[in-house]
Amino acid sequence: MAERYPKKLVWGSDSPFQSYVAKHEGELLSLRSTYEEETACLYALPDAVQQTIARDNLLALLNLKHEDLLTRR
């Protein structure tokens, strides 16, 4: 997806707070994950792609030139 939509994809995680476990057709459906498993997907990408989807695209979406507004205390 990152290769196909390099300027559209934004990485984020709700893990471990967003998990889904339920019975479905008599079977247990578990969509649990850990933050480590989710970040492993991000870190498996080339550095430039990580920067684009984990920083640059979010700043563009929020119409910010840099992250100072998000990081200042």
PDB file of N, CA and C in Angstrom:
ATOM      1  N   MET A   1       0.820  -1.181   0.000  1.00  0.00           N
ATOM      2  CA  MET A   1       0.000   0.000   0.000  1.00  0.00           C
ATOM      3  C   MET A   1       0.869   1.252   0.000  1.00  0.00           C
ATOM      4  N   ALA A   2       1.966   1.222   0.736  1.00  0.00           N
ATOM      5  CA  ALA A   2       2.836   2.394   0.806  1.00  0.00           C
ATOM      6  C   ALA A   2       3.438   2.718  -0.552  1.00  0.00           C
ATOM      7  N   GLU A   3       3.737   1.692  -1.336  1.00  0.00           N
ATOM      8  CA  GLU A   3       4.266   1.934  -2.681  1.00  0.00           C
ATOM      9  C   GLU A   3       3.180   2.462  -3.614  1.00  0.00           C
ATOM     10  N   ARG A   4       1.986   1.951  -3.487  1.00  0.00           N
ATOM     11  CA  ARG A   4       0.882   2.330  -4.367  1.00  0.00           C
ATOM     12  C   ARG A   4       0.326   3.716  -4.034  1.00  0.00           C
ATOM     13  N   TYR A   5       0.284   4.060  -2.752  1.00  0.00           N
ATOM     14  CA  TYR A   5      -0.293   5.326  -2.296  1.00  0.00           C
ATOM     15  C   TYR A   5       0.692   6.091  -1.409  1.00  0.00           C
ATOM     16  N   PRO A   6       1.846   6.466  -1.932  1.00  0.00           N
ATOM     17  CA  PRO A   6       2.883   7.060  -1.092  1.00  0.00           C
ATOM     18  C   PRO A   6       2.504   8.391  -0.452  1.00  0.00           C
ATOM     19  N   LYS A   7       1.601   9.136  -1.038  1.00  0.00           N
ATOM     20  CA  LYS A   7       1.205  10.433  -0.477  1.00  0.00           C
ATOM     21  C   LYS A   7      -0.143  10.376   0.229  1.00  0.00           C
ATOM     22  N   LYS A   8      -0.751   9.212   0.326  1.00  0.00           N
ATOM     23  CA  LYS A   8      -2.082   9.056   0.925  1.00  0.00           C
ATOM     24  C   LYS A   8      -2.066   8.292   2.237  1.00  0.00           C
ATOM     25  N   LEU A   9      -1.150   7.357   2.397  1.00  0.00           N
ATOM     26  CA  LEU A   9      -1.137   6.472   3.556  1.00  0.00           C
ATOM     27  C   LEU A   9      -0.584   7.200   4.782  1.00  0.00           C
ATOM     28  N   VAL A  10      -1.297   7.081   5.911  1.00  0.00           N
ATOM     29  CA  VAL A  10      -0.846   7.634   7.187  1.00  0.00           C
ATOM     30  C   VAL A  10      -0.804   6.490   8.182  1.00  0.00           C
ATOM     31  N   TRP A  11       0.347   6.313   8.842  1.00  0.00           N
ATOM     32  CA  TRP A  11       0.482   5.237   9.819  1.00  0.00           C
ATOM     33  C   TRP A  11       0.050   5.719  11.186  1.00  0.00           C
ATOM     34  N   GLY A  12      -0.618   4.838  11.916  1.00  0.00           N
ATOM     35  CA  GLY A  12      -0.994   5.116  13.285  1.00  0.00           C
ATOM     36  C   GLY A  12      -1.390   3.818  13.958  1.00  0.00           C
ATOM     37  N   SER A  13      -1.511   3.849  15.257  1.00  0.00           N
ATOM     38  CA  SER A  13      -1.865   2.649  15.994  1.00  0.00           C
ATOM     39  C   SER A  13      -2.744   2.989  17.186  1.00  0.00           C
ATOM     40  N   ASP A  14      -3.744   2.168  17.418  1.00  0.00           N
ATOM     41  CA  ASP A  14      -4.549   2.249  18.626  1.00  0.00           C
ATOM     42  C   ASP A  14      -4.196   1.115  19.576  1.00  0.00           C
ATOM     43  N   SER A  15      -3.270   0.286  19.174  1.00  0.00           N
ATOM     44  CA  SER A  15      -2.907  -0.873  19.969  1.00  0.00           C
ATOM     45  C   SER A  15      -2.213  -0.428  21.243  1.00  0.00           C
ATOM     46  N   PRO A  16      -2.443  -1.049  22.341  1.00  0.00           N
ATOM     47  CA  PRO A  16      -3.249  -2.247  22.553  1.00  0.00           C
ATOM     48  C   PRO A  16      -4.692  -1.936  22.928  1.00  0.00           C
ATOM     49  N   PHE A  17      -5.093  -0.703  22.827  1.00  0.00           N
ATOM     50  CA  PHE A  17      -6.416  -0.314  23.304  1.00  0.00           C
ATOM     51  C   PHE A  17      -7.546  -0.712  22.364  1.00  0.00           C
ATOM     52  N   GLN A  18      -7.273  -0.870  21.095  1.00  0.00           N
ATOM     53  CA  GLN A  18      -8.302  -1.239  20.132  1.00  0.00           C
ATOM     54  C   GLN A  18      -8.091  -2.695  19.730  1.00  0.00           C
ATOM     55  N   SER A  19      -8.790  -3.588  20.357  1.00  0.00           N
ATOM     56  CA  SER A  19      -8.742  -5.012  20.023  1.00  0.00           C
ATOM     57  C   SER A  19     -10.167  -5.497  19.840  1.00  0.00           C
ATOM     58  N   TYR A  20     -10.322  -6.529  19.039  1.00  0.00           N
ATOM     59  CA  TYR A  20     -11.651  -7.073  18.786  1.00  0.00           C
ATOM     60  C   TYR A  20     -11.596  -8.575  18.957  1.00  0.00           C
ATOM     61  N   VAL A  21     -12.400  -9.087  19.864  1.00  0.00           N
ATOM     62  CA  VAL A  21     -12.519 -10.526  20.078  1.00  0.00           C
ATOM     63  C   VAL A  21     -14.003 -10.839  20.206  1.00  0.00           C
ATOM     64  N   ALA A  22     -14.474 -11.795  19.401  1.00  0.00           N
ATOM     65  CA  ALA A  22     -15.896 -12.139  19.438  1.00  0.00           C
ATOM     66  C   ALA A  22     -16.086 -13.543  18.867  1.00  0.00           C
ATOM     67  N   LYS A  23     -17.245 -14.101  19.130  1.00  0.00           N
ATOM     68  CA  LYS A  23     -17.611 -15.365  18.479  1.00  0.00           C
ATOM     69  C   LYS A  23     -18.254 -15.034  17.141  1.00  0.00           C
ATOM     70  N   HIS A  24     -17.819 -15.751  16.123  1.00  0.00           N
ATOM     71  CA  HIS A  24     -18.361 -15.560  14.777  1.00  0.00           C
ATOM     72  C   HIS A  24     -18.606 -16.937  14.185  1.00  0.00           C
ATOM     73  N   GLU A  25     -19.859 -17.227  13.919  1.00  0.00           N
ATOM     74  CA  GLU A  25     -20.252 -18.529  13.373  1.00  0.00           C
ATOM     75  C   GLU A  25     -19.721 -19.667  14.243  1.00  0.00           C
ATOM     76  N   GLY A  26     -19.810 -19.472  15.568  1.00  0.00           N
ATOM     77  CA  GLY A  26     -19.408 -20.505  16.507  1.00  0.00           C
ATOM     78  C   GLY A  26     -17.912 -20.587  16.770  1.00  0.00           C
ATOM     79  N   GLU A  27     -17.118 -19.789  16.080  1.00  0.00           N
ATOM     80  CA  GLU A  27     -15.666 -19.802  16.251  1.00  0.00           C
ATOM     81  C   GLU A  27     -15.222 -18.494  16.893  1.00  0.00           C
ATOM     82  N   LEU A  28     -14.103 -18.538  17.571  1.00  0.00           N
ATOM     83  CA  LEU A  28     -13.548 -17.342  18.182  1.00  0.00           C
ATOM     84  C   LEU A  28     -12.799 -16.535  17.126  1.00  0.00           C
ATOM     85  N   LEU A  29     -13.179 -15.287  16.954  1.00  0.00           N
ATOM     86  CA  LEU A  29     -12.512 -14.366  16.034  1.00  0.00           C
ATOM     87  C   LEU A  29     -11.713 -13.395  16.888  1.00  0.00           C
ATOM     88  N   SER A  30     -10.415 -13.392  16.735  1.00  0.00           N
ATOM     89  CA  SER A  30      -9.557 -12.546  17.556  1.00  0.00           C
ATOM     90  C   SER A  30      -8.692 -11.668  16.662  1.00  0.00           C
ATOM     91  N   LEU A  31      -8.899 -10.373  16.758  1.00  0.00           N
ATOM     92  CA  LEU A  31      -8.092  -9.405  16.025  1.00  0.00           C
ATOM     93  C   LEU A  31      -7.260  -8.602  17.026  1.00  0.00           C
ATOM     94  N   ARG A  32      -6.554  -9.334  17.875  1.00  0.00           N
ATOM     95  CA  ARG A  32      -5.693  -8.704  18.865  1.00  0.00           C
ATOM     96  C   ARG A  32      -4.296  -8.550  18.290  1.00  0.00           C
ATOM     97  N   SER A  33      -3.652  -7.495  18.689  1.00  0.00           N
ATOM     98  CA  SER A  33      -2.301  -7.237  18.237  1.00  0.00           C
ATOM     99  C   SER A  33      -1.557  -6.515  19.347  1.00  0.00           C
ATOM    100  N   THR A  34      -0.263  -6.396  19.185  1.00  0.00           N
ATOM    101  CA  THR A  34       0.538  -5.624  20.131  1.00  0.00           C
ATOM    102  C   THR A  34       1.138  -4.439  19.389  1.00  0.00           C
ATOM    103  N   TYR A  35       1.541  -3.462  20.136  1.00  0.00           N
ATOM    104  CA  TYR A  35       2.198  -2.299  19.535  1.00  0.00           C
ATOM    105  C   TYR A  35       3.471  -2.744  18.812  1.00  0.00           C
ATOM    106  N   GLU A  36       4.182  -3.692  19.383  1.00  0.00           N
ATOM    107  CA  GLU A  36       5.406  -4.194  18.763  1.00  0.00           C
ATOM    108  C   GLU A  36       5.125  -4.833  17.406  1.00  0.00           C
ATOM    109  N   GLU A  37       4.034  -5.610  17.306  1.00  0.00           N
ATOM    110  CA  GLU A  37       3.679  -6.235  16.028  1.00  0.00           C
ATOM    111  C   GLU A  37       3.316  -5.176  14.988  1.00  0.00           C
ATOM    112  N   GLU A  38       2.612  -4.153  15.425  1.00  0.00           N
ATOM    113  CA  GLU A  38       2.207  -3.108  14.488  1.00  0.00           C
ATOM    114  C   GLU A  38       3.385  -2.252  14.046  1.00  0.00           C
ATOM    115  N   THR A  39       4.277  -1.911  14.973  1.00  0.00           N
ATOM    116  CA  THR A  39       5.432  -1.102  14.574  1.00  0.00           C
ATOM    117  C   THR A  39       6.405  -1.909  13.723  1.00  0.00           C
ATOM    118  N   ALA A  40       6.428  -3.225  13.888  1.00  0.00           N
ATOM    119  CA  ALA A  40       7.292  -4.060  13.055  1.00  0.00           C
ATOM    120  C   ALA A  40       6.935  -3.892  11.579  1.00  0.00           C
ATOM    121  N   CYS A  41       5.652  -3.734  11.283  1.00  0.00           N
ATOM    122  CA  CYS A  41       5.218  -3.504   9.898  1.00  0.00           C
ATOM    123  C   CYS A  41       5.782  -2.177   9.378  1.00  0.00           C
ATOM    124  N   LEU A  42       5.742  -1.156  10.213  1.00  0.00           N
ATOM    125  CA  LEU A  42       6.287   0.142   9.817  1.00  0.00           C
ATOM    126  C   LEU A  42       7.791   0.063   9.621  1.00  0.00           C
ATOM    127  N   TYR A  43       8.488  -0.528  10.590  1.00  0.00           N
ATOM    128  CA  TYR A  43       9.950  -0.580  10.528  1.00  0.00           C
ATOM    129  C   TYR A  43      10.482  -1.514   9.444  1.00  0.00           C
ATOM    130  N   ALA A  44       9.623  -2.351   8.887  1.00  0.00           N
ATOM    131  CA  ALA A  44      10.036  -3.218   7.780  1.00  0.00           C
ATOM    132  C   ALA A  44      10.138  -2.453   6.466  1.00  0.00           C
ATOM    133  N   LEU A  45       9.580  -1.258   6.440  1.00  0.00           N
ATOM    134  CA  LEU A  45       9.614  -0.431   5.225  1.00  0.00           C
ATOM    135  C   LEU A  45      10.932   0.325   5.137  1.00  0.00           C
ATOM    136  N   PRO A  46      11.324   0.732   3.921  1.00  0.00           N
ATOM    137  CA  PRO A  46      12.526   1.558   3.779  1.00  0.00           C
ATOM    138  C   PRO A  46      12.382   2.864   4.578  1.00  0.00           C
ATOM    139  N   ASP A  47      13.506   3.398   5.051  1.00  0.00           N
ATOM    140  CA  ASP A  47      13.501   4.595   5.896  1.00  0.00           C
ATOM    141  C   ASP A  47      12.722   5.757   5.283  1.00  0.00           C
ATOM    142  N   ALA A  48      12.904   5.993   4.000  1.00  0.00           N
ATOM    143  CA  ALA A  48      12.216   7.117   3.349  1.00  0.00           C
ATOM    144  C   ALA A  48      10.700   6.929   3.366  1.00  0.00           C
ATOM    145  N   VAL A  49      10.236   5.695   3.200  1.00  0.00           N
ATOM    146  CA  VAL A  49       8.799   5.410   3.223  1.00  0.00           C
ATOM    147  C   VAL A  49       8.270   5.566   4.645  1.00  0.00           C
ATOM    148  N   GLN A  50       9.032   5.115   5.637  1.00  0.00           N
ATOM    149  CA  GLN A  50       8.631   5.319   7.037  1.00  0.00           C
ATOM    150  C   GLN A  50       8.422   6.802   7.318  1.00  0.00           C
ATOM    151  N   GLN A  51       9.365   7.621   6.903  1.00  0.00           N
ATOM    152  CA  GLN A  51       9.291   9.068   7.120  1.00  0.00           C
ATOM    153  C   GLN A  51       8.049   9.652   6.456  1.00  0.00           C
ATOM    154  N   THR A  52       7.759   9.195   5.254  1.00  0.00           N
ATOM    155  CA  THR A  52       6.619   9.720   4.513  1.00  0.00           C
ATOM    156  C   THR A  52       5.300   9.367   5.179  1.00  0.00           C
ATOM    157  N   ILE A  53       5.090   8.081   5.513  1.00  0.00           N
ATOM    158  CA  ILE A  53       3.773   7.677   6.024  1.00  0.00           C
ATOM    159  C   ILE A  53       3.604   7.921   7.522  1.00  0.00           C
ATOM    160  N   ALA A  54       4.708   8.022   8.273  1.00  0.00           N
ATOM    161  CA  ALA A  54       4.588   8.219   9.713  1.00  0.00           C
ATOM    162  C   ALA A  54       4.758   9.680  10.128  1.00  0.00           C
ATOM    163  N   ARG A  55       5.187  10.544   9.196  1.00  0.00           N
ATOM    164  CA  ARG A  55       5.390  11.945   9.546  1.00  0.00           C
ATOM    165  C   ARG A  55       4.856  12.888   8.481  1.00  0.00           C
ATOM    166  N   ASP A  56       5.443  12.828   7.299  1.00  0.00           N
ATOM    167  CA  ASP A  56       5.161  13.815   6.247  1.00  0.00           C
ATOM    168  C   ASP A  56       3.688  13.855   5.854  1.00  0.00           C
ATOM    169  N   ASN A  57       3.079  12.687   5.643  1.00  0.00           N
ATOM    170  CA  ASN A  57       1.673  12.665   5.222  1.00  0.00           C
ATOM    171  C   ASN A  57       0.741  13.178   6.317  1.00  0.00           C
ATOM    172  N   LEU A  58       1.074  12.909   7.581  1.00  0.00           N
ATOM    173  CA  LEU A  58       0.254  13.421   8.674  1.00  0.00           C
ATOM    174  C   LEU A  58       0.349  14.945   8.743  1.00  0.00           C
ATOM    175  N   LEU A  59       1.563  15.479   8.605  1.00  0.00           N
ATOM    176  CA  LEU A  59       1.721  16.929   8.605  1.00  0.00           C
ATOM    177  C   LEU A  59       0.949  17.560   7.448  1.00  0.00           C
ATOM    178  N   ALA A  60       0.986  16.936   6.283  1.00  0.00           N
ATOM    179  CA  ALA A  60       0.232  17.447   5.125  1.00  0.00           C
ATOM    180  C   ALA A  60      -1.268  17.384   5.382  1.00  0.00           C
ATOM    181  N   LEU A  61      -1.736  16.291   5.972  1.00  0.00           N
ATOM    182  CA  LEU A  61      -3.152  16.143   6.279  1.00  0.00           C
ATOM    183  C   LEU A  61      -3.617  17.241   7.241  1.00  0.00           C
ATOM    184  N   LEU A  62      -2.778  17.550   8.216  1.00  0.00           N
ATOM    185  CA  LEU A  62      -3.113  18.581   9.202  1.00  0.00           C
ATOM    186  C   LEU A  62      -2.753  19.989   8.724  1.00  0.00           C
ATOM    187  N   ASN A  63      -2.190  20.051   7.511  1.00  0.00           N
ATOM    188  CA  ASN A  63      -1.788  21.323   6.907  1.00  0.00           C
ATOM    189  C   ASN A  63      -0.756  22.054   7.776  1.00  0.00           C
ATOM    190  N   LEU A  64       0.216  21.297   8.276  1.00  0.00           N
ATOM    191  CA  LEU A  64       1.292  21.854   9.088  1.00  0.00           C
ATOM    192  C   LEU A  64       2.598  21.776   8.315  1.00  0.00           C
ATOM    193  N   LYS A  65       3.426  22.779   8.445  1.00  0.00           N
ATOM    194  CA  LYS A  65       4.723  22.767   7.765  1.00  0.00           C
ATOM    195  C   LYS A  65       5.755  21.926   8.526  1.00  0.00           C
ATOM    196  N   HIS A  66       5.625  21.840   9.854  1.00  0.00           N
ATOM    197  CA  HIS A  66       6.498  21.007  10.675  1.00  0.00           C
ATOM    198  C   HIS A  66       5.758  20.629  11.959  1.00  0.00           C
ATOM    199  N   GLU A  67       6.341  19.717  12.706  1.00  0.00           N
ATOM    200  CA  GLU A  67       5.627  19.140  13.845  1.00  0.00           C
ATOM    201  C   GLU A  67       5.703  19.955  15.132  1.00  0.00           C
ATOM    202  N   ASP A  68       6.302  21.118  15.134  1.00  0.00           N
ATOM    203  CA  ASP A  68       6.457  21.899  16.368  1.00  0.00           C
ATOM    204  C   ASP A  68       5.114  22.097  17.091  1.00  0.00           C
ATOM    205  N   LEU A  69       4.053  22.347  16.369  1.00  0.00           N
ATOM    206  CA  LEU A  69       2.754  22.545  16.988  1.00  0.00           C
ATOM    207  C   LEU A  69       2.307  21.297  17.750  1.00  0.00           C
ATOM    208  N   LEU A  70       2.697  20.121  17.285  1.00  0.00           N
ATOM    209  CA  LEU A  70       2.293  18.866  17.914  1.00  0.00           C
ATOM    210  C   LEU A  70       3.201  18.470  19.071  1.00  0.00           C
ATOM    211  N   THR A  71       4.427  18.989  19.114  1.00  0.00           N
ATOM    212  CA  THR A  71       5.405  18.506  20.093  1.00  0.00           C
ATOM    213  C   THR A  71       5.776  19.505  21.169  1.00  0.00           C
ATOM    214  N   ARG A  72       5.396  20.756  21.019  1.00  0.00           N
ATOM    215  CA  ARG A  72       5.788  21.707  22.060  1.00  0.00           C
ATOM    216  C   ARG A  72       4.967  21.521  23.329  1.00  0.00           C
ATOM    217  N   ARG A  73       5.558  21.873  24.432  1.00  0.00           N
ATOM    218  CA  ARG A  73       4.921  21.674  25.730  1.00  0.00           C
ATOM    219  C   ARG A  73       4.457  22.983  26.295  1.00  0.00           C
TER     220      ARG A  73
END
